Protein backbone atom coordinates (compact mmCIF):
# COMPACT_ATOMS: atom_id res chain seq x y z
CA MET A 1 -34.98 26.83 16.87
CA ALA A 2 -36.14 24.78 19.85
CA TYR A 3 -35.78 21.18 20.89
CA ALA A 4 -36.36 18.94 23.90
CA ILE A 5 -35.25 15.47 24.73
CA ALA A 6 -36.25 13.26 27.70
CA TYR A 7 -35.78 9.73 28.85
CA ARG A 8 -38.01 7.91 31.42
CA HIS A 9 -36.75 4.79 33.13
CA LEU A 10 -38.99 2.33 35.07
CA TRP A 11 -36.82 0.97 37.93
CA THR A 12 -39.58 -1.13 39.51
CA PRO A 13 -43.32 -1.15 39.08
CA LYS A 14 -43.59 1.60 41.67
CA LEU A 15 -40.40 3.59 41.07
CA ARG A 16 -39.51 5.69 38.00
CA SER A 17 -37.24 8.48 37.00
CA SER A 18 -36.72 10.91 34.10
CA VAL A 19 -33.82 12.87 32.71
CA PHE A 20 -34.64 15.83 30.37
CA TYR A 21 -33.01 18.73 28.44
CA GLY A 22 -34.58 21.44 26.39
CA SER A 23 -33.27 24.63 24.67
CA ALA A 24 -34.67 27.45 22.63
CA LEU A 25 -32.86 30.10 20.64
CA THR A 26 -34.54 32.90 18.63
CA ASP A 27 -32.76 34.85 15.87
CA VAL A 28 -34.89 38.06 15.79
CA LEU A 29 -35.02 38.80 19.55
CA GLU A 30 -31.75 36.96 20.36
CA ARG A 31 -33.17 35.06 23.29
CA LYS A 32 -31.63 31.84 24.52
CA ARG A 33 -33.13 29.59 27.19
CA SER A 34 -32.38 26.12 28.43
CA HIS A 35 -33.66 23.73 31.08
CA PHE A 36 -32.52 20.40 32.33
CA GLY A 37 -33.40 18.15 35.22
CA VAL A 38 -33.64 14.75 36.74
CA ASN A 39 -36.38 13.31 38.91
CA LEU A 40 -37.36 10.36 40.91
CA ILE A 41 -41.02 9.43 41.58
CA THR A 42 -42.49 6.65 43.61
CA SER A 43 -46.09 5.36 43.69
CA TYR A 44 -46.40 5.15 47.52
CA ASN A 45 -49.74 3.47 47.19
CA GLU A 46 -52.62 3.45 44.68
CA TYR A 47 -53.68 6.93 45.77
CA LEU A 48 -50.45 8.83 46.27
CA ASP A 49 -47.28 9.52 44.18
CA LEU A 50 -44.31 11.30 45.77
CA GLY A 51 -41.35 12.75 43.83
CA VAL A 52 -38.29 14.93 43.92
CA GLU A 53 -36.56 16.84 41.11
CA LEU A 54 -33.23 18.54 40.74
CA GLY A 55 -32.65 20.85 37.80
CA ASN A 56 -31.32 23.93 36.25
CA PHE A 57 -32.91 26.76 34.24
CA SER A 58 -30.89 29.36 32.37
CA VAL A 59 -31.65 32.55 30.48
CA ASP A 60 -29.04 34.24 28.24
CA ASP A 61 -30.93 37.05 26.43
CA GLU A 62 -29.16 39.77 24.51
CA GLY A 63 -29.05 43.05 26.47
CA MET A 64 -29.63 41.61 29.97
CA GLN A 65 -27.64 39.89 32.62
CA SER A 66 -27.64 36.06 32.38
CA ILE A 67 -29.66 34.07 34.82
CA ASP A 68 -28.55 30.60 35.90
CA SER A 69 -30.78 29.01 38.51
CA ASN A 70 -30.56 25.58 40.14
CA TYR A 71 -33.59 24.18 41.92
CA LEU A 72 -34.80 21.32 44.08
CA GLN A 73 -38.51 20.65 44.16
CA PHE A 74 -40.72 18.04 45.85
CA SER A 75 -44.08 16.93 44.55
CA ALA A 76 -47.08 14.95 45.70
CA LYS A 77 -49.95 13.72 43.55
CA LEU A 78 -53.18 12.55 45.19
CA LYS A 79 -55.31 10.34 43.01
CA PHE A 80 -58.97 10.06 43.87
């Protein structure tokens, strides 16, 4: 079973953000994964988008130590 849900909000014509969550669970291999995050992206000008995202990724597989990792990432998108 797997699912994902996300919401994108437009704050202004140049500023937007998203909140998302996803999870997957398998019966046969007993693997469980989940990922959530929130981001903020601005269209600096017509050629450049800048963003920041804060999130978490976790792995809870049978037979191995659980992994729970927070992250902060920055992005830039150049449009030409």
